[in-house]
Amino acid sequence: FIHGPAARGVVTATREIELMVIGKDITYSRIMELMKPAERSLGRPFDLLIYSVADFNHRLATGNGFLLRAMEQEKIPVLGSEKAIQLPEKPGRKRKSRR
């Protein structure tokens, strides 16, 4: 998903687009290869953050402030779904039982 200023509609011609990629068996070099046509088309680079699903969920569960804020703020989905991510419970909120 796109996050940061671009997701909030704050776009300038020189600002990078912040993209967070969460998935299985992904590498920085492969994502960069896939992003080159989009960077050329948009005329600006992407600032990439890449996590495995397990690492991302672990960082959320241990209270990584940056990721917690990123998940609460505006996002533009590019591919996939937030359902694959295990967001931590907010204090005072109970999860629905899955029976």
PDB file of N, CA and C in Angstrom:
ATOM      1  N   PHE A   1       0.823  -1.185   0.000  1.00  0.00           N
ATOM      2  CA  PHE A   1       0.000   0.000   0.000  1.00  0.00           C
ATOM      3  C   PHE A   1       0.865   1.244   0.000  1.00  0.00           C
ATOM      4  N   ILE A   2       0.285   2.319  -0.526  1.00  0.00           N
ATOM      5  CA  ILE A   2       0.935   3.623  -0.482  1.00  0.00           C
ATOM      6  C   ILE A   2       0.545   4.250   0.845  1.00  0.00           C
ATOM      7  N   HIS A   3       1.515   4.854   1.515  1.00  0.00           N
ATOM      8  CA  HIS A   3       1.245   5.495   2.804  1.00  0.00           C
ATOM      9  C   HIS A   3       1.955   6.833   2.821  1.00  0.00           C
ATOM     10  N   GLY A   4       1.822   7.553   3.902  1.00  0.00           N
ATOM     11  CA  GLY A   4       2.503   8.834   4.022  1.00  0.00           C
ATOM     12  C   GLY A   4       1.774   9.953   3.294  1.00  0.00           C
ATOM     13  N   PRO A   5       2.504  11.002   2.928  1.00  0.00           N
ATOM     14  CA  PRO A   5       1.873  12.179   2.327  1.00  0.00           C
ATOM     15  C   PRO A   5       1.064  11.886   1.063  1.00  0.00           C
ATOM     16  N   ALA A   6       1.551  11.006   0.199  1.00  0.00           N
ATOM     17  CA  ALA A   6       0.816  10.706  -1.037  1.00  0.00           C
ATOM     18  C   ALA A   6      -0.558  10.100  -0.738  1.00  0.00           C
ATOM     19  N   ALA A   7      -0.645   9.273   0.295  1.00  0.00           N
ATOM     20  CA  ALA A   7      -1.931   8.667   0.672  1.00  0.00           C
ATOM     21  C   ALA A   7      -2.889   9.700   1.250  1.00  0.00           C
ATOM     22  N   ARG A   8      -2.332  10.789   1.793  1.00  0.00           N
ATOM     23  CA  ARG A   8      -3.160  11.863   2.351  1.00  0.00           C
ATOM     24  C   ARG A   8      -3.468  12.931   1.301  1.00  0.00           C
ATOM     25  N   GLY A   9      -2.990  12.734   0.073  1.00  0.00           N
ATOM     26  CA  GLY A   9      -3.260  13.689  -0.991  1.00  0.00           C
ATOM     27  C   GLY A   9      -2.272  14.830  -1.072  1.00  0.00           C
ATOM     28  N   VAL A  10      -1.162  14.731  -0.338  1.00  0.00           N
ATOM     29  CA  VAL A  10      -0.129  15.768  -0.370  1.00  0.00           C
ATOM     30  C   VAL A  10       0.950  15.290  -1.340  1.00  0.00           C
ATOM     31  N   VAL A  11       0.859  15.753  -2.572  1.00  0.00           N
ATOM     32  CA  VAL A  11       1.764  15.273  -3.601  1.00  0.00           C
ATOM     33  C   VAL A  11       2.495  16.449  -4.229  1.00  0.00           C
ATOM     34  N   THR A  12       3.801  16.316  -4.356  1.00  0.00           N
ATOM     35  CA  THR A  12       4.592  17.316  -5.068  1.00  0.00           C
ATOM     36  C   THR A  12       5.368  16.601  -6.170  1.00  0.00           C
ATOM     37  N   ALA A  13       5.828  17.350  -7.123  1.00  0.00           N
ATOM     38  CA  ALA A  13       6.519  16.766  -8.271  1.00  0.00           C
ATOM     39  C   ALA A  13       7.829  16.086  -7.894  1.00  0.00           C
ATOM     40  N   THR A  14       8.433  16.481  -6.792  1.00  0.00           N
ATOM     41  CA  THR A  14       9.740  15.925  -6.431  1.00  0.00           C
ATOM     42  C   THR A  14       9.694  14.938  -5.274  1.00  0.00           C
ATOM     43  N   ARG A  15       8.589  14.841  -4.595  1.00  0.00           N
ATOM     44  CA  ARG A  15       8.506  13.973  -3.417  1.00  0.00           C
ATOM     45  C   ARG A  15       8.388  12.495  -3.819  1.00  0.00           C
ATOM     46  N   GLU A  16       9.107  11.644  -3.090  1.00  0.00           N
ATOM     47  CA  GLU A  16       9.003  10.204  -3.315  1.00  0.00           C
ATOM     48  C   GLU A  16       7.629   9.709  -2.887  1.00  0.00           C
ATOM     49  N   ILE A  17       7.208   8.605  -3.468  1.00  0.00           N
ATOM     50  CA  ILE A  17       5.954   7.960  -3.073  1.00  0.00           C
ATOM     51  C   ILE A  17       6.324   6.823  -2.134  1.00  0.00           C
ATOM     52  N   GLU A  18       5.790   6.857  -0.927  1.00  0.00           N
ATOM     53  CA  GLU A  18       6.116   5.843   0.078  1.00  0.00           C
ATOM     54  C   GLU A  18       5.245   4.616  -0.132  1.00  0.00           C
ATOM     55  N   LEU A  19       5.900   3.487  -0.387  1.00  0.00           N
ATOM     56  CA  LEU A  19       5.205   2.235  -0.672  1.00  0.00           C
ATOM     57  C   LEU A  19       5.676   1.173   0.299  1.00  0.00           C
ATOM     58  N   MET A  20       4.725   0.541   0.974  1.00  0.00           N
ATOM     59  CA  MET A  20       5.045  -0.551   1.883  1.00  0.00           C
ATOM     60  C   MET A  20       4.567  -1.846   1.229  1.00  0.00           C
ATOM     61  N   VAL A  21       5.487  -2.799   1.139  1.00  0.00           N
ATOM     62  CA  VAL A  21       5.194  -4.093   0.529  1.00  0.00           C
ATOM     63  C   VAL A  21       5.333  -5.156   1.600  1.00  0.00           C
ATOM     64  N   ILE A  22       4.283  -5.960   1.762  1.00  0.00           N
ATOM     65  CA  ILE A  22       4.272  -7.026   2.761  1.00  0.00           C
ATOM     66  C   ILE A  22       3.896  -8.298   2.028  1.00  0.00           C
ATOM     67  N   GLY A  23       4.752  -9.303   2.079  1.00  0.00           N
ATOM     68  CA  GLY A  23       4.436 -10.523   1.341  1.00  0.00           C
ATOM     69  C   GLY A  23       5.395 -11.647   1.644  1.00  0.00           C
ATOM     70  N   LYS A  24       5.226 -12.704   0.895  1.00  0.00           N
ATOM     71  CA  LYS A  24       6.063 -13.898   1.038  1.00  0.00           C
ATOM     72  C   LYS A  24       7.046 -13.946  -0.121  1.00  0.00           C
ATOM     73  N   ASP A  25       8.248 -14.393   0.171  1.00  0.00           N
ATOM     74  CA  ASP A  25       9.264 -14.617  -0.858  1.00  0.00           C
ATOM     75  C   ASP A  25       9.472 -13.412  -1.766  1.00  0.00           C
ATOM     76  N   ILE A  26       9.618 -12.237  -1.161  1.00  0.00           N
ATOM     77  CA  ILE A  26       9.862 -11.032  -1.948  1.00  0.00           C
ATOM     78  C   ILE A  26      11.251 -10.487  -1.620  1.00  0.00           C
ATOM     79  N   THR A  27      11.848  -9.866  -2.599  1.00  0.00           N
ATOM     80  CA  THR A  27      13.163  -9.272  -2.390  1.00  0.00           C
ATOM     81  C   THR A  27      13.128  -7.819  -2.859  1.00  0.00           C
ATOM     82  N   TYR A  28      14.023  -7.038  -2.302  1.00  0.00           N
ATOM     83  CA  TYR A  28      14.111  -5.633  -2.675  1.00  0.00           C
ATOM     84  C   TYR A  28      14.407  -5.501  -4.168  1.00  0.00           C
ATOM     85  N   SER A  29      15.340  -6.297  -4.668  1.00  0.00           N
ATOM     86  CA  SER A  29      15.717  -6.186  -6.083  1.00  0.00           C
ATOM     87  C   SER A  29      14.551  -6.525  -7.002  1.00  0.00           C
ATOM     88  N   ARG A  30      13.757  -7.517  -6.653  1.00  0.00           N
ATOM     89  CA  ARG A  30      12.599  -7.888  -7.489  1.00  0.00           C
ATOM     90  C   ARG A  30      11.549  -6.785  -7.462  1.00  0.00           C
ATOM     91  N   ILE A  31      11.275  -6.218  -6.297  1.00  0.00           N
ATOM     92  CA  ILE A  31      10.290  -5.136  -6.206  1.00  0.00           C
ATOM     93  C   ILE A  31      10.776  -3.922  -6.994  1.00  0.00           C
ATOM     94  N   MET A  32      12.061  -3.581  -6.866  1.00  0.00           N
ATOM     95  CA  MET A  32      12.605  -2.447  -7.619  1.00  0.00           C
ATOM     96  C   MET A  32      12.478  -2.665  -9.117  1.00  0.00           C
ATOM     97  N   GLU A  33      12.721  -3.878  -9.556  1.00  0.00           N
ATOM     98  CA  GLU A  33      12.586  -4.213 -10.977  1.00  0.00           C
ATOM     99  C   GLU A  33      11.138  -3.992 -11.441  1.00  0.00           C
ATOM    100  N   LEU A  34      10.199  -4.403 -10.613  1.00  0.00           N
ATOM    101  CA  LEU A  34       8.782  -4.247 -10.957  1.00  0.00           C
ATOM    102  C   LEU A  34       8.319  -2.789 -10.900  1.00  0.00           C
ATOM    103  N   MET A  35       8.970  -1.977 -10.068  1.00  0.00           N
ATOM    104  CA  MET A  35       8.542  -0.592  -9.872  1.00  0.00           C
ATOM    105  C   MET A  35       9.124   0.373 -10.904  1.00  0.00           C
ATOM    106  N   LYS A  36      10.185  -0.011 -11.614  1.00  0.00           N
ATOM    107  CA  LYS A  36      10.837   0.901 -12.551  1.00  0.00           C
ATOM    108  C   LYS A  36       9.878   1.503 -13.582  1.00  0.00           C
ATOM    109  N   PRO A  37       8.999   0.709 -14.216  1.00  0.00           N
ATOM    110  CA  PRO A  37       8.069   1.326 -15.179  1.00  0.00           C
ATOM    111  C   PRO A  37       7.142   2.360 -14.522  1.00  0.00           C
ATOM    112  N   ALA A  38       6.696   2.093 -13.308  1.00  0.00           N
ATOM    113  CA  ALA A  38       5.820   3.046 -12.603  1.00  0.00           C
ATOM    114  C   ALA A  38       6.588   4.316 -12.255  1.00  0.00           C
ATOM    115  N   GLU A  39       7.839   4.177 -11.820  1.00  0.00           N
ATOM    116  CA  GLU A  39       8.650   5.352 -11.509  1.00  0.00           C
ATOM    117  C   GLU A  39       8.853   6.216 -12.751  1.00  0.00           C
ATOM    118  N   ARG A  40       9.132   5.581 -13.887  1.00  0.00           N
ATOM    119  CA  ARG A  40       9.302   6.338 -15.141  1.00  0.00           C
ATOM    120  C   ARG A  40       8.006   7.036 -15.530  1.00  0.00           C
ATOM    121  N   SER A  41       6.907   6.330 -15.415  1.00  0.00           N
ATOM    122  CA  SER A  41       5.603   6.890 -15.792  1.00  0.00           C
ATOM    123  C   SER A  41       5.210   8.068 -14.907  1.00  0.00           C
ATOM    124  N   LEU A  42       5.454   7.940 -13.598  1.00  0.00           N
ATOM    125  CA  LEU A  42       5.087   8.994 -12.651  1.00  0.00           C
ATOM    126  C   LEU A  42       6.132  10.104 -12.559  1.00  0.00           C
ATOM    127  N   GLY A  43       7.334   9.821 -13.003  1.00  0.00           N
ATOM    128  CA  GLY A  43       8.387  10.807 -12.969  1.00  0.00           C
ATOM    129  C   GLY A  43       8.982  11.047 -11.597  1.00  0.00           C
ATOM    130  N   ARG A  44       8.826  10.086 -10.699  1.00  0.00           N
ATOM    131  CA  ARG A  44       9.449  10.195  -9.376  1.00  0.00           C
ATOM    132  C   ARG A  44       9.609   8.811  -8.766  1.00  0.00           C
ATOM    133  N   PRO A  45      10.545   8.700  -7.840  1.00  0.00           N
ATOM    134  CA  PRO A  45      10.860   7.388  -7.279  1.00  0.00           C
ATOM    135  C   PRO A  45       9.909   6.977  -6.156  1.00  0.00           C
ATOM    136  N   PHE A  46       9.980   5.689  -5.857  1.00  0.00           N
ATOM    137  CA  PHE A  46       9.273   5.128  -4.718  1.00  0.00           C
ATOM    138  C   PHE A  46      10.262   4.959  -3.571  1.00  0.00           C
ATOM    139  N   ASP A  47       9.804   5.216  -2.372  1.00  0.00           N
ATOM    140  CA  ASP A  47      10.557   4.926  -1.158  1.00  0.00           C
ATOM    141  C   ASP A  47       9.952   3.627  -0.633  1.00  0.00           C
ATOM    142  N   LEU A  48      10.692   2.539  -0.756  1.00  0.00           N
ATOM    143  CA  LEU A  48      10.147   1.215  -0.442  1.00  0.00           C
ATOM    144  C   LEU A  48      10.478   0.748   0.965  1.00  0.00           C
ATOM    145  N   LEU A  49       9.485   0.165   1.607  1.00  0.00           N
ATOM    146  CA  LEU A  49       9.661  -0.590   2.842  1.00  0.00           C
ATOM    147  C   LEU A  49       9.115  -1.975   2.542  1.00  0.00           C
ATOM    148  N   ILE A  50       9.936  -2.997   2.743  1.00  0.00           N
ATOM    149  CA  ILE A  50       9.541  -4.357   2.388  1.00  0.00           C
ATOM    150  C   ILE A  50       9.659  -5.243   3.622  1.00  0.00           C
ATOM    151  N   TYR A  51       8.574  -5.963   3.918  1.00  0.00           N
ATOM    152  CA  TYR A  51       8.536  -6.868   5.071  1.00  0.00           C
ATOM    153  C   TYR A  51       7.947  -8.211   4.664  1.00  0.00           C
ATOM    154  N   SER A  52       8.433  -9.267   5.287  1.00  0.00           N
ATOM    155  CA  SER A  52       7.720 -10.543   5.182  1.00  0.00           C
ATOM    156  C   SER A  52       6.479 -10.411   6.060  1.00  0.00           C
ATOM    157  N   VAL A  53       5.484 -11.232   5.814  1.00  0.00           N
ATOM    158  CA  VAL A  53       4.263 -11.183   6.624  1.00  0.00           C
ATOM    159  C   VAL A  53       4.599 -11.454   8.091  1.00  0.00           C
ATOM    160  N   ALA A  54       5.445 -12.458   8.334  1.00  0.00           N
ATOM    161  CA  ALA A  54       5.802 -12.814   9.717  1.00  0.00           C
ATOM    162  C   ALA A  54       6.533 -11.666  10.412  1.00  0.00           C
ATOM    163  N   ASP A  55       7.489 -11.044   9.736  1.00  0.00           N
ATOM    164  CA  ASP A  55       8.240  -9.942  10.337  1.00  0.00           C
ATOM    165  C   ASP A  55       7.331  -8.751  10.606  1.00  0.00           C
ATOM    166  N   PHE A  56       6.472  -8.437   9.656  1.00  0.00           N
ATOM    167  CA  PHE A  56       5.553  -7.323   9.825  1.00  0.00           C
ATOM    168  C   PHE A  56       4.642  -7.559  11.033  1.00  0.00           C
ATOM    169  N   ASN A  57       4.034  -8.738  11.101  1.00  0.00           N
ATOM    170  CA  ASN A  57       3.145  -9.051  12.219  1.00  0.00           C
ATOM    171  C   ASN A  57       3.889  -9.039  13.552  1.00  0.00           C
ATOM    172  N   HIS A  58       5.135  -9.530  13.556  1.00  0.00           N
ATOM    173  CA  HIS A  58       5.937  -9.512  14.788  1.00  0.00           C
ATOM    174  C   HIS A  58       6.202  -8.071  15.229  1.00  0.00           C
ATOM    175  N   ARG A  59       6.575  -7.223  14.297  1.00  0.00           N
ATOM    176  CA  ARG A  59       6.856  -5.825  14.632  1.00  0.00           C
ATOM    177  C   ARG A  59       5.608  -5.118  15.161  1.00  0.00           C
ATOM    178  N   LEU A  60       4.452  -5.420  14.557  1.00  0.00           N
ATOM    179  CA  LEU A  60       3.212  -4.834  15.071  1.00  0.00           C
ATOM    180  C   LEU A  60       2.922  -5.331  16.485  1.00  0.00           C
ATOM    181  N   ALA A  61       3.071  -6.633  16.678  1.00  0.00           N
ATOM    182  CA  ALA A  61       2.761  -7.230  17.982  1.00  0.00           C
ATOM    183  C   ALA A  61       3.673  -6.713  19.088  1.00  0.00           C
ATOM    184  N   THR A  62       4.904  -6.325  18.733  1.00  0.00           N
ATOM    185  CA  THR A  62       5.837  -5.822  19.739  1.00  0.00           C
ATOM    186  C   THR A  62       5.797  -4.304  19.854  1.00  0.00           C
ATOM    187  N   GLY A  63       4.842  -3.688  19.183  1.00  0.00           N
ATOM    188  CA  GLY A  63       4.597  -2.261  19.371  1.00  0.00           C
ATOM    189  C   GLY A  63       5.466  -1.318  18.566  1.00  0.00           C
ATOM    190  N   ASN A  64       5.912  -1.717  17.384  1.00  0.00           N
ATOM    191  CA  ASN A  64       6.701  -0.820  16.542  1.00  0.00           C
ATOM    192  C   ASN A  64       5.892   0.434  16.230  1.00  0.00           C
ATOM    193  N   GLY A  65       6.329   1.559  16.782  1.00  0.00           N
ATOM    194  CA  GLY A  65       5.585   2.812  16.672  1.00  0.00           C
ATOM    195  C   GLY A  65       5.342   3.262  15.245  1.00  0.00           C
ATOM    196  N   PHE A  66       6.360   3.161  14.404  1.00  0.00           N
ATOM    197  CA  PHE A  66       6.200   3.590  13.014  1.00  0.00           C
ATOM    198  C   PHE A  66       5.112   2.783  12.315  1.00  0.00           C
ATOM    199  N   LEU A  67       5.168   1.453  12.450  1.00  0.00           N
ATOM    200  CA  LEU A  67       4.175   0.620  11.771  1.00  0.00           C
ATOM    201  C   LEU A  67       2.780   0.811  12.350  1.00  0.00           C
ATOM    202  N   LEU A  68       2.681   0.965  13.661  1.00  0.00           N
ATOM    203  CA  LEU A  68       1.371   1.202  14.263  1.00  0.00           C
ATOM    204  C   LEU A  68       0.747   2.486  13.722  1.00  0.00           C
ATOM    205  N   ARG A  69       1.548   3.557  13.616  1.00  0.00           N
ATOM    206  CA  ARG A  69       1.046   4.822  13.057  1.00  0.00           C
ATOM    207  C   ARG A  69       0.677   4.654  11.584  1.00  0.00           C
ATOM    208  N   ALA A  70       1.522   3.962  10.836  1.00  0.00           N
ATOM    209  CA  ALA A  70       1.253   3.760   9.411  1.00  0.00           C
ATOM    210  C   ALA A  70      -0.064   3.019   9.201  1.00  0.00           C
ATOM    211  N   MET A  71      -0.361   2.059  10.058  1.00  0.00           N
ATOM    212  CA  MET A  71      -1.597   1.289   9.909  1.00  0.00           C
ATOM    213  C   MET A  71      -2.828   2.093  10.302  1.00  0.00           C
ATOM    214  N   GLU A  72      -2.665   3.096  11.153  1.00  0.00           N
ATOM    215  CA  GLU A  72      -3.795   3.925  11.572  1.00  0.00           C
ATOM    216  C   GLU A  72      -4.081   5.047  10.586  1.00  0.00           C
ATOM    217  N   GLN A  73      -3.087   5.414   9.780  1.00  0.00           N
ATOM    218  CA  GLN A  73      -3.241   6.542   8.873  1.00  0.00           C
ATOM    219  C   GLN A  73      -3.804   6.105   7.523  1.00  0.00           C
ATOM    220  N   GLU A  74      -4.075   7.107   6.698  1.00  0.00           N
ATOM    221  CA  GLU A  74      -4.601   6.845   5.362  1.00  0.00           C
ATOM    222  C   GLU A  74      -3.632   5.971   4.576  1.00  0.00           C
ATOM    223  N   LYS A  75      -4.199   5.040   3.811  1.00  0.00           N
ATOM    224  CA  LYS A  75      -3.417   4.160   2.952  1.00  0.00           C
ATOM    225  C   LYS A  75      -4.155   4.013   1.629  1.00  0.00           C
ATOM    226  N   ILE A  76      -3.405   3.778   0.589  1.00  0.00           N
ATOM    227  CA  ILE A  76      -3.992   3.466  -0.710  1.00  0.00           C
ATOM    228  C   ILE A  76      -3.551   2.053  -1.054  1.00  0.00           C
ATOM    229  N   PRO A  77      -4.484   1.094  -1.063  1.00  0.00           N
ATOM    230  CA  PRO A  77      -4.096  -0.280  -1.392  1.00  0.00           C
ATOM    231  C   PRO A  77      -3.665  -0.374  -2.853  1.00  0.00           C
ATOM    232  N   VAL A  78      -2.628  -1.141  -3.091  1.00  0.00           N
ATOM    233  CA  VAL A  78      -2.143  -1.345  -4.448  1.00  0.00           C
ATOM    234  C   VAL A  78      -2.488  -2.749  -4.909  1.00  0.00           C
ATOM    235  N   LEU A  79      -2.253  -3.708  -4.048  1.00  0.00           N
ATOM    236  CA  LEU A  79      -2.522  -5.105  -4.372  1.00  0.00           C
ATOM    237  C   LEU A  79      -2.698  -5.859  -3.065  1.00  0.00           C
ATOM    238  N   GLY A  80      -3.637  -6.768  -3.011  1.00  0.00           N
ATOM    239  CA  GLY A  80      -3.814  -7.560  -1.805  1.00  0.00           C
ATOM    240  C   GLY A  80      -4.816  -6.937  -0.849  1.00  0.00           C
ATOM    241  N   SER A  81      -4.733  -7.355   0.405  1.00  0.00           N
ATOM    242  CA  SER A  81      -5.709  -6.959   1.404  1.00  0.00           C
ATOM    243  C   SER A  81      -5.075  -6.866   2.781  1.00  0.00           C
ATOM    244  N   GLU A  82      -5.622  -5.978   3.616  1.00  0.00           N
ATOM    245  CA  GLU A  82      -5.158  -5.884   5.000  1.00  0.00           C
ATOM    246  C   GLU A  82      -5.538  -7.118   5.803  1.00  0.00           C
ATOM    247  N   LYS A  83      -6.398  -7.964   5.277  1.00  0.00           N
ATOM    248  CA  LYS A  83      -6.819  -9.167   6.001  1.00  0.00           C
ATOM    249  C   LYS A  83      -5.644 -10.098   6.274  1.00  0.00           C
ATOM    250  N   ALA A  84      -4.583 -10.012   5.477  1.00  0.00           N
ATOM    251  CA  ALA A  84      -3.418 -10.876   5.669  1.00  0.00           C
ATOM    252  C   ALA A  84      -2.547 -10.410   6.825  1.00  0.00           C
ATOM    253  N   ILE A  85      -2.824  -9.218   7.322  1.00  0.00           N
ATOM    254  CA  ILE A  85      -2.026  -8.633   8.393  1.00  0.00           C
ATOM    255  C   ILE A  85      -2.780  -8.770   9.704  1.00  0.00           C
ATOM    256  N   GLN A  86      -2.085  -9.139  10.766  1.00  0.00           N
ATOM    257  CA  GLN A  86      -2.720  -9.284  12.071  1.00  0.00           C
ATOM    258  C   GLN A  86      -2.512  -8.003  12.868  1.00  0.00           C
ATOM    259  N   LEU A  87      -3.473  -7.109  12.798  1.00  0.00           N
ATOM    260  CA  LEU A  87      -3.360  -5.861  13.540  1.00  0.00           C
ATOM    261  C   LEU A  87      -3.581  -6.130  15.016  1.00  0.00           C
ATOM    262  N   PRO A  88      -2.775  -5.509  15.868  1.00  0.00           N
ATOM    263  CA  PRO A  88      -2.950  -5.722  17.313  1.00  0.00           C
ATOM    264  C   PRO A  88      -4.237  -5.088  17.795  1.00  0.00           C
ATOM    265  N   GLU A  89      -4.798  -5.657  18.845  1.00  0.00           N
ATOM    266  CA  GLU A  89      -6.020  -5.096  19.434  1.00  0.00           C
ATOM    267  C   GLU A  89      -5.724  -3.773  20.100  1.00  0.00           C
ATOM    268  N   LYS A  90      -6.677  -2.863  19.989  1.00  0.00           N
ATOM    269  CA  LYS A  90      -6.563  -1.600  20.711  1.00  0.00           C
ATOM    270  C   LYS A  90      -7.071  -1.830  22.126  1.00  0.00           C
ATOM    271  N   PRO A  91      -6.505  -1.150  23.104  1.00  0.00           N
ATOM    272  CA  PRO A  91      -6.977  -1.330  24.485  1.00  0.00           C
ATOM    273  C   PRO A  91      -8.473  -1.063  24.588  1.00  0.00           C
ATOM    274  N   GLY A  92      -9.160  -1.934  25.322  1.00  0.00           N
ATOM    275  CA  GLY A  92     -10.591  -1.755  25.540  1.00  0.00           C
ATOM    276  C   GLY A  92     -11.460  -2.308  24.431  1.00  0.00           C
ATOM    277  N   ARG A  93     -10.853  -2.858  23.391  1.00  0.00           N
ATOM    278  CA  ARG A  93     -11.617  -3.409  22.283  1.00  0.00           C
ATOM    279  C   ARG A  93     -11.499  -4.921  22.306  1.00  0.00           C
ATOM    280  N   LYS A  94     -12.622  -5.597  22.270  1.00  0.00           N
ATOM    281  CA  LYS A  94     -12.600  -7.052  22.280  1.00  0.00           C
ATOM    282  C   LYS A  94     -12.843  -7.567  20.873  1.00  0.00           C
ATOM    283  N   ARG A  95     -12.119  -8.627  20.537  1.00  0.00           N
ATOM    284  CA  ARG A  95     -12.303  -9.256  19.247  1.00  0.00           C
ATOM    285  C   ARG A  95     -13.560 -10.087  19.245  1.00  0.00           C
ATOM    286  N   LYS A  96     -14.208 -10.128  18.082  1.00  0.00           N
ATOM    287  CA  LYS A  96     -15.396 -10.969  17.951  1.00  0.00           C
ATOM    288  C   LYS A  96     -14.970 -12.433  17.912  1.00  0.00           C
ATOM    289  N   SER A  97     -15.763 -13.252  18.519  1.00  0.00           N
ATOM    290  CA  SER A  97     -15.485 -14.674  18.529  1.00  0.00           C
ATOM    291  C   SER A  97     -15.749 -15.250  17.151  1.00  0.00           C
ATOM    292  N   ARG A  98     -14.881 -16.136  16.701  1.00  0.00           N
ATOM    293  CA  ARG A  98     -15.036 -16.794  15.387  1.00  0.00           C
ATOM    294  C   ARG A  98     -15.507 -18.215  15.591  1.00  0.00           C
ATOM    295  N   ARG A  99     -16.757 -18.390  15.807  1.00  0.00           N
ATOM    296  CA  ARG A  99     -17.311 -19.746  16.013  1.00  0.00           C
ATOM    297  C   ARG A  99     -17.976 -20.237  14.789  1.00  0.00           C
TER     298      ARG A  99
END
